[in-house]
Amino acid sequence: MKDIKVYNQEGKEIGKLELNEAIFNLSWNADLVHQALGKILANSRRVLANTKDRAQVSGGGRKPWKQKGTGRARHGSIRSPLWKGGGVSFGPTSQRNFKVKINKKMARKALLTVLSAKFKDNELLVIDRLKLAGAKTRELSKILGAFPKIKSALVILPKKDDDILRASANLPGVKIITTDNLNIFDILKYQNVFLTRDVVDYLHKTYGKTVK
């Protein structure tokens, strides 16, 4: 078992907590993390570009001029890609699918791998609990400011807390998520990851078995 310090909201150490090595002591696997991160980025990609082919553009119901005798090149429709305003050949459409799949075991291990990396780099912090008197940005800023040298922070809560969400809205470099939305993109994006004791218990219960 690995030990990690537990702090209160004032930034003072109040004890230690044992961490399951099956969750917080995995070796770094760059290929696996790359695949899992690529899946998240691909699945969040918005398909915006959309062009029309010659069957979708309007007009061109008749042949622009007769086949022979005019001295001009023969054409069958002004909807041809050769014409200005005609259809687009092989253009992007909104029907494109960029979805990527990886199996659950790979995604699970990738998540635990990045958590292990944060722990080994001393970028994982455990707070006994996080509770605000109200939706006060100043109060949340004071709590996070009690931990020096933090440039950005991801705070993981066991369940949604509207006061904390509203309080964090005006804090740059701070994001609040719950265990339901746990993902490697946010863990990698932010320098420090704050966990409450309840979140650690959730991770032990959910991912406590050894991952091979």
C-alpha atoms as a PDB file:
ATOM      1  CA  MET A   1       0.000   0.000   0.000  1.00  0.00           C
ATOM      2  CA  LYS A   2       1.083   3.574  -0.731  1.00  0.00           C
ATOM      3  CA  ASP A   3       0.477   6.418   1.709  1.00  0.00           C
ATOM      4  CA  ILE A   4      -0.648   9.925   0.775  1.00  0.00           C
ATOM      5  CA  LYS A   5      -1.075  12.965   2.994  1.00  0.00           C
ATOM      6  CA  VAL A   6      -4.599  14.182   3.758  1.00  0.00           C
ATOM      7  CA  TYR A   7      -5.215  17.910   4.159  1.00  0.00           C
ATOM      8  CA  ASN A   8      -8.067  19.989   5.492  1.00  0.00           C
ATOM      9  CA  GLN A   9      -9.541  23.008   3.698  1.00  0.00           C
ATOM     10  CA  GLU A  10      -6.964  25.271   5.342  1.00  0.00           C
ATOM     11  CA  GLY A  11      -4.126  23.348   3.696  1.00  0.00           C
ATOM     12  CA  LYS A  12      -2.915  21.721   6.937  1.00  0.00           C
ATOM     13  CA  GLU A  13      -1.960  18.062   7.064  1.00  0.00           C
ATOM     14  CA  ILE A  14      -4.348  16.103   9.276  1.00  0.00           C
ATOM     15  CA  GLY A  15      -3.277  12.539   8.577  1.00  0.00           C
ATOM     16  CA  LYS A  16      -2.430   9.958   5.972  1.00  0.00           C
ATOM     17  CA  LEU A  17      -4.446   7.647   3.765  1.00  0.00           C
ATOM     18  CA  GLU A  18      -3.474   4.303   2.301  1.00  0.00           C
ATOM     19  CA  LEU A  19      -3.804   4.032  -1.478  1.00  0.00           C
ATOM     20  CA  ASN A  20      -4.382   0.821  -3.368  1.00  0.00           C
ATOM     21  CA  GLU A  21      -1.333   0.020  -5.511  1.00  0.00           C
ATOM     22  CA  ALA A  22      -3.574  -1.520  -8.163  1.00  0.00           C
ATOM     23  CA  ILE A  23      -4.871   1.996  -8.798  1.00  0.00           C
ATOM     24  CA  PHE A  24      -2.040   4.365  -7.924  1.00  0.00           C
ATOM     25  CA  ASN A  25       1.111   2.379  -8.695  1.00  0.00           C
ATOM     26  CA  LEU A  26       0.795   1.380 -12.348  1.00  0.00           C
ATOM     27  CA  SER A  27       3.673   1.822 -14.781  1.00  0.00           C
ATOM     28  CA  TRP A  28       3.376   4.486 -17.457  1.00  0.00           C
ATOM     29  CA  ASN A  29       2.041   3.158 -20.765  1.00  0.00           C
ATOM     30  CA  ALA A  30       2.275   5.904 -23.383  1.00  0.00           C
ATOM     31  CA  ASP A  31       0.710   3.845 -26.190  1.00  0.00           C
ATOM     32  CA  LEU A  32      -2.341   2.937 -24.123  1.00  0.00           C
ATOM     33  CA  VAL A  33      -2.869   6.503 -22.889  1.00  0.00           C
ATOM     34  CA  HIS A  34      -2.483   7.788 -26.457  1.00  0.00           C
ATOM     35  CA  GLN A  35      -5.192   5.421 -27.704  1.00  0.00           C
ATOM     36  CA  ALA A  36      -7.588   6.317 -24.884  1.00  0.00           C
ATOM     37  CA  LEU A  37      -6.991  10.046 -25.317  1.00  0.00           C
ATOM     38  CA  GLY A  38      -7.396   9.758 -29.091  1.00  0.00           C
ATOM     39  CA  LYS A  39     -10.781   8.109 -28.549  1.00  0.00           C
ATOM     40  CA  ILE A  40     -11.973  10.991 -26.345  1.00  0.00           C
ATOM     41  CA  LEU A  41     -10.801  13.643 -28.806  1.00  0.00           C
ATOM     42  CA  ALA A  42     -12.245  11.856 -31.833  1.00  0.00           C
ATOM     43  CA  ASN A  43     -15.621  11.250 -30.185  1.00  0.00           C
ATOM     44  CA  SER A  44     -15.908  14.890 -29.146  1.00  0.00           C
ATOM     45  CA  ARG A  45     -15.139  16.158 -32.654  1.00  0.00           C
ATOM     46  CA  ARG A  46     -17.952  18.220 -34.180  1.00  0.00           C
ATOM     47  CA  VAL A  47     -18.697  17.626 -37.857  1.00  0.00           C
ATOM     48  CA  LEU A  48     -19.341  21.095 -39.272  1.00  0.00           C
ATOM     49  CA  ALA A  49     -18.171  21.148 -42.906  1.00  0.00           C
ATOM     50  CA  ASN A  50     -20.890  20.039 -45.314  1.00  0.00           C
ATOM     51  CA  THR A  51     -20.945  20.333 -49.113  1.00  0.00           C
ATOM     52  CA  LYS A  52     -23.534  19.382 -51.730  1.00  0.00           C
ATOM     53  CA  ASP A  53     -22.867  17.068 -54.634  1.00  0.00           C
ATOM     54  CA  ARG A  54     -24.452  17.501 -58.079  1.00  0.00           C
ATOM     55  CA  ALA A  55     -27.596  15.668 -57.008  1.00  0.00           C
ATOM     56  CA  GLN A  56     -28.243  18.103 -54.155  1.00  0.00           C
ATOM     57  CA  VAL A  57     -27.658  21.540 -55.690  1.00  0.00           C
ATOM     58  CA  SER A  58     -30.615  23.329 -57.241  1.00  0.00           C
ATOM     59  CA  GLY A  59     -31.154  24.107 -60.912  1.00  0.00           C
ATOM     60  CA  GLY A  60     -29.896  22.318 -63.979  1.00  0.00           C
ATOM     61  CA  GLY A  61     -33.120  20.690 -64.954  1.00  0.00           C
ATOM     62  CA  ARG A  62     -32.367  20.932 -68.642  1.00  0.00           C
ATOM     63  CA  LYS A  63     -29.333  20.734 -70.888  1.00  0.00           C
ATOM     64  CA  PRO A  64     -27.749  24.241 -71.112  1.00  0.00           C
ATOM     65  CA  TRP A  65     -27.391  24.054 -74.925  1.00  0.00           C
ATOM     66  CA  LYS A  66     -27.646  21.471 -77.634  1.00  0.00           C
ATOM     67  CA  GLN A  67     -24.984  18.797 -77.955  1.00  0.00           C
ATOM     68  CA  LYS A  68     -23.582  19.833 -81.366  1.00  0.00           C
ATOM     69  CA  GLY A  69     -23.277  22.822 -83.623  1.00  0.00           C
ATOM     70  CA  THR A  70     -22.584  25.612 -81.115  1.00  0.00           C
ATOM     71  CA  GLY A  71     -18.787  25.348 -81.111  1.00  0.00           C
ATOM     72  CA  ARG A  72     -18.811  25.172 -77.350  1.00  0.00           C
ATOM     73  CA  ALA A  73     -17.908  22.244 -75.117  1.00  0.00           C
ATOM     74  CA  ARG A  74     -20.754  19.818 -74.544  1.00  0.00           C
ATOM     75  CA  HIS A  75     -22.471  19.975 -71.137  1.00  0.00           C
ATOM     76  CA  GLY A  76     -25.383  18.099 -69.715  1.00  0.00           C
ATOM     77  CA  SER A  77     -26.185  20.144 -66.588  1.00  0.00           C
ATOM     78  CA  ILE A  78     -25.116  23.319 -64.838  1.00  0.00           C
ATOM     79  CA  ARG A  79     -25.035  21.243 -61.642  1.00  0.00           C
ATOM     80  CA  SER A  80     -21.841  19.612 -62.847  1.00  0.00           C
ATOM     81  CA  PRO A  81     -18.759  20.181 -60.600  1.00  0.00           C
ATOM     82  CA  LEU A  82     -17.184  21.921 -63.627  1.00  0.00           C
ATOM     83  CA  TRP A  83     -19.617  24.830 -63.284  1.00  0.00           C
ATOM     84  CA  LYS A  84     -19.529  27.659 -60.792  1.00  0.00           C
ATOM     85  CA  GLY A  85     -22.299  26.955 -58.288  1.00  0.00           C
ATOM     86  CA  GLY A  86     -22.375  23.302 -59.270  1.00  0.00           C
ATOM     87  CA  GLY A  87     -21.917  20.313 -56.994  1.00  0.00           C
ATOM     88  CA  VAL A  88     -18.669  19.520 -55.205  1.00  0.00           C
ATOM     89  CA  SER A  89     -16.803  16.323 -56.012  1.00  0.00           C
ATOM     90  CA  PHE A  90     -15.743  14.278 -52.991  1.00  0.00           C
ATOM     91  CA  GLY A  91     -16.322  17.200 -50.604  1.00  0.00           C
ATOM     92  CA  PRO A  92     -16.812  16.872 -46.826  1.00  0.00           C
ATOM     93  CA  THR A  93     -20.304  16.075 -45.581  1.00  0.00           C
ATOM     94  CA  SER A  94     -22.019  16.088 -42.210  1.00  0.00           C
ATOM     95  CA  GLN A  95     -22.506  12.332 -42.518  1.00  0.00           C
ATOM     96  CA  ARG A  96     -18.843  11.626 -41.752  1.00  0.00           C
ATOM     97  CA  ASN A  97     -18.237   9.495 -38.658  1.00  0.00           C
ATOM     98  CA  PHE A  98     -15.068  10.011 -36.632  1.00  0.00           C
ATOM     99  CA  LYS A  99     -16.089   7.765 -33.738  1.00  0.00           C
ATOM    100  CA  VAL A 100     -13.361   5.579 -32.256  1.00  0.00           C
ATOM    101  CA  LYS A 101     -13.847   2.619 -29.927  1.00  0.00           C
ATOM    102  CA  ILE A 102     -11.552   0.909 -27.451  1.00  0.00           C
ATOM    103  CA  ASN A 103     -12.562  -1.865 -25.093  1.00  0.00           C
ATOM    104  CA  LYS A 104     -13.534  -1.129 -21.508  1.00  0.00           C
ATOM    105  CA  LYS A 105     -10.511  -2.852 -20.015  1.00  0.00           C
ATOM    106  CA  MET A 106      -8.140  -0.610 -21.991  1.00  0.00           C
ATOM    107  CA  ALA A 107     -10.051   2.544 -21.051  1.00  0.00           C
ATOM    108  CA  ARG A 108     -10.064   1.528 -17.393  1.00  0.00           C
ATOM    109  CA  LYS A 109      -6.346   0.837 -17.326  1.00  0.00           C
ATOM    110  CA  ALA A 110      -5.569   4.115 -19.131  1.00  0.00           C
ATOM    111  CA  LEU A 111      -7.507   6.026 -16.461  1.00  0.00           C
ATOM    112  CA  LEU A 112      -5.629   4.315 -13.640  1.00  0.00           C
ATOM    113  CA  THR A 113      -2.328   4.859 -15.455  1.00  0.00           C
ATOM    114  CA  VAL A 114      -2.750   8.644 -15.522  1.00  0.00           C
ATOM    115  CA  LEU A 115      -3.877   8.651 -11.873  1.00  0.00           C
ATOM    116  CA  SER A 116      -0.725   6.696 -10.987  1.00  0.00           C
ATOM    117  CA  ALA A 117       1.393   9.195 -12.927  1.00  0.00           C
ATOM    118  CA  LYS A 118      -0.167  12.103 -11.030  1.00  0.00           C
ATOM    119  CA  PHE A 119       0.532  10.383  -7.712  1.00  0.00           C
ATOM    120  CA  LYS A 120       4.158   9.616  -8.608  1.00  0.00           C
ATOM    121  CA  ASP A 121       4.703  13.215  -9.761  1.00  0.00           C
ATOM    122  CA  ASN A 122       3.294  14.543  -6.451  1.00  0.00           C
ATOM    123  CA  GLU A 123       0.465  16.247  -8.337  1.00  0.00           C
ATOM    124  CA  LEU A 124      -2.299  14.354  -6.532  1.00  0.00           C
ATOM    125  CA  LEU A 125      -3.767  15.997  -3.422  1.00  0.00           C
ATOM    126  CA  VAL A 126      -6.348  14.564  -1.035  1.00  0.00           C
ATOM    127  CA  ILE A 127      -8.648  16.854   0.962  1.00  0.00           C
ATOM    128  CA  ASP A 128     -10.663  15.474   3.858  1.00  0.00           C
ATOM    129  CA  ARG A 129     -13.770  17.224   2.527  1.00  0.00           C
ATOM    130  CA  LEU A 130     -14.693  20.222   0.382  1.00  0.00           C
ATOM    131  CA  LYS A 131     -17.644  22.261   1.498  1.00  0.00           C
ATOM    132  CA  LEU A 132     -18.489  25.936   1.004  1.00  0.00           C
ATOM    133  CA  ALA A 133     -20.837  28.117   3.040  1.00  0.00           C
ATOM    134  CA  GLY A 134     -22.294  29.343  -0.260  1.00  0.00           C
ATOM    135  CA  ALA A 135     -21.439  29.921  -3.911  1.00  0.00           C
ATOM    136  CA  LYS A 136     -18.493  32.165  -3.027  1.00  0.00           C
ATOM    137  CA  THR A 137     -15.594  32.342  -5.471  1.00  0.00           C
ATOM    138  CA  ARG A 138     -13.382  34.027  -2.890  1.00  0.00           C
ATOM    139  CA  GLU A 139     -13.838  31.147  -0.445  1.00  0.00           C
ATOM    140  CA  LEU A 140     -12.963  28.474  -3.017  1.00  0.00           C
ATOM    141  CA  SER A 141      -9.999  30.529  -4.226  1.00  0.00           C
ATOM    142  CA  LYS A 142      -8.732  30.750  -0.647  1.00  0.00           C
ATOM    143  CA  ILE A 143      -8.950  26.964  -0.215  1.00  0.00           C
ATOM    144  CA  LEU A 144      -7.022  26.248  -3.420  1.00  0.00           C
ATOM    145  CA  GLY A 145      -4.569  29.051  -2.609  1.00  0.00           C
ATOM    146  CA  ALA A 146      -3.609  27.260   0.597  1.00  0.00           C
ATOM    147  CA  PHE A 147      -1.687  24.831  -1.596  1.00  0.00           C
ATOM    148  CA  PRO A 148       1.292  26.722  -3.098  1.00  0.00           C
ATOM    149  CA  LYS A 149       2.704  26.380  -6.612  1.00  0.00           C
ATOM    150  CA  ILE A 150      -0.587  25.296  -8.175  1.00  0.00           C
ATOM    151  CA  LYS A 151      -1.087  26.703 -11.668  1.00  0.00           C
ATOM    152  CA  SER A 152      -4.213  24.742 -12.593  1.00  0.00           C
ATOM    153  CA  ALA A 153      -6.429  22.329 -10.705  1.00  0.00           C
ATOM    154  CA  LEU A 154      -8.978  19.625 -11.401  1.00  0.00           C
ATOM    155  CA  VAL A 155     -11.263  19.042  -8.433  1.00  0.00           C
ATOM    156  CA  ILE A 156     -13.056  15.692  -8.372  1.00  0.00           C
ATOM    157  CA  LEU A 157     -16.133  15.461  -6.158  1.00  0.00           C
ATOM    158  CA  PRO A 158     -18.191  12.396  -5.198  1.00  0.00           C
ATOM    159  CA  LYS A 159     -21.394  14.117  -6.332  1.00  0.00           C
ATOM    160  CA  LYS A 160     -22.567  17.384  -7.859  1.00  0.00           C
ATOM    161  CA  ASP A 161     -22.334  20.453  -5.623  1.00  0.00           C
ATOM    162  CA  ASP A 162     -24.002  23.540  -7.115  1.00  0.00           C
ATOM    163  CA  ASP A 163     -22.273  25.957  -4.728  1.00  0.00           C
ATOM    164  CA  ILE A 164     -18.813  24.720  -5.688  1.00  0.00           C
ATOM    165  CA  LEU A 165     -19.686  24.709  -9.391  1.00  0.00           C
ATOM    166  CA  ARG A 166     -20.873  28.323  -9.290  1.00  0.00           C
ATOM    167  CA  ALA A 167     -17.922  29.386  -7.152  1.00  0.00           C
ATOM    168  CA  SER A 168     -15.443  27.926  -9.661  1.00  0.00           C
ATOM    169  CA  ALA A 169     -17.012  29.586 -12.705  1.00  0.00           C
ATOM    170  CA  ASN A 170     -14.821  32.694 -12.444  1.00  0.00           C
ATOM    171  CA  LEU A 171     -11.608  30.909 -11.480  1.00  0.00           C
ATOM    172  CA  PRO A 172      -9.290  30.437 -14.495  1.00  0.00           C
ATOM    173  CA  GLY A 173      -7.470  27.129 -14.611  1.00  0.00           C
ATOM    174  CA  VAL A 174      -9.951  25.389 -12.292  1.00  0.00           C
ATOM    175  CA  LYS A 175     -12.484  22.732 -13.257  1.00  0.00           C
ATOM    176  CA  ILE A 176     -14.931  20.760 -11.135  1.00  0.00           C
ATOM    177  CA  ILE A 177     -16.091  17.279 -12.134  1.00  0.00           C
ATOM    178  CA  THR A 178     -17.720  14.344 -10.363  1.00  0.00           C
ATOM    179  CA  THR A 179     -16.772  10.676 -10.335  1.00  0.00           C
ATOM    180  CA  ASP A 180     -19.459  10.082 -12.983  1.00  0.00           C
ATOM    181  CA  ASN A 181     -17.450  12.226 -15.426  1.00  0.00           C
ATOM    182  CA  LEU A 182     -13.972  10.953 -14.583  1.00  0.00           C
ATOM    183  CA  ASN A 183     -11.797  11.018 -17.721  1.00  0.00           C
ATOM    184  CA  ILE A 184      -8.115  11.071 -18.663  1.00  0.00           C
ATOM    185  CA  PHE A 185      -8.414  14.229 -20.795  1.00  0.00           C
ATOM    186  CA  ASP A 186      -9.146  16.455 -17.797  1.00  0.00           C
ATOM    187  CA  ILE A 187      -6.644  14.645 -15.566  1.00  0.00           C
ATOM    188  CA  LEU A 188      -3.874  15.232 -18.092  1.00  0.00           C
ATOM    189  CA  LYS A 189      -4.930  18.790 -18.903  1.00  0.00           C
ATOM    190  CA  TYR A 190      -4.714  20.152 -15.353  1.00  0.00           C
ATOM    191  CA  GLN A 191      -1.493  20.177 -13.367  1.00  0.00           C
ATOM    192  CA  ASN A 192      -2.904  19.149  -9.992  1.00  0.00           C
ATOM    193  CA  VAL A 193      -5.781  16.825  -9.185  1.00  0.00           C
ATOM    194  CA  PHE A 194      -7.712  17.288  -5.941  1.00  0.00           C
ATOM    195  CA  LEU A 195      -9.600  14.307  -4.534  1.00  0.00           C
ATOM    196  CA  THR A 196     -11.821  14.226  -1.485  1.00  0.00           C
ATOM    197  CA  ARG A 197     -11.577  11.271   0.868  1.00  0.00           C
ATOM    198  CA  ASP A 198     -14.933  10.041  -0.451  1.00  0.00           C
ATOM    199  CA  VAL A 199     -13.581  10.020  -4.009  1.00  0.00           C
ATOM    200  CA  VAL A 200     -10.604   7.905  -2.928  1.00  0.00           C
ATOM    201  CA  ASP A 201     -13.027   5.457  -1.304  1.00  0.00           C
ATOM    202  CA  TYR A 202     -15.012   5.369  -4.558  1.00  0.00           C
ATOM    203  CA  LEU A 203     -11.878   4.612  -6.593  1.00  0.00           C
ATOM    204  CA  HIS A 204     -10.873   1.831  -4.212  1.00  0.00           C
ATOM    205  CA  LYS A 205     -14.337   0.292  -4.375  1.00  0.00           C
ATOM    206  CA  THR A 206     -14.718   0.611  -8.149  1.00  0.00           C
ATOM    207  CA  TYR A 207     -11.186  -0.104  -9.384  1.00  0.00           C
ATOM    208  CA  GLY A 208      -9.695  -1.929  -6.428  1.00  0.00           C
ATOM    209  CA  LYS A 209      -9.027  -5.190  -8.207  1.00  0.00           C
ATOM    210  CA  THR A 210      -5.636  -5.665  -9.788  1.00  0.00           C
ATOM    211  CA  VAL A 211      -5.536  -4.564 -13.434  1.00  0.00           C
ATOM    212  CA  LYS A 212      -3.316  -6.768 -15.592  1.00  0.00           C
END
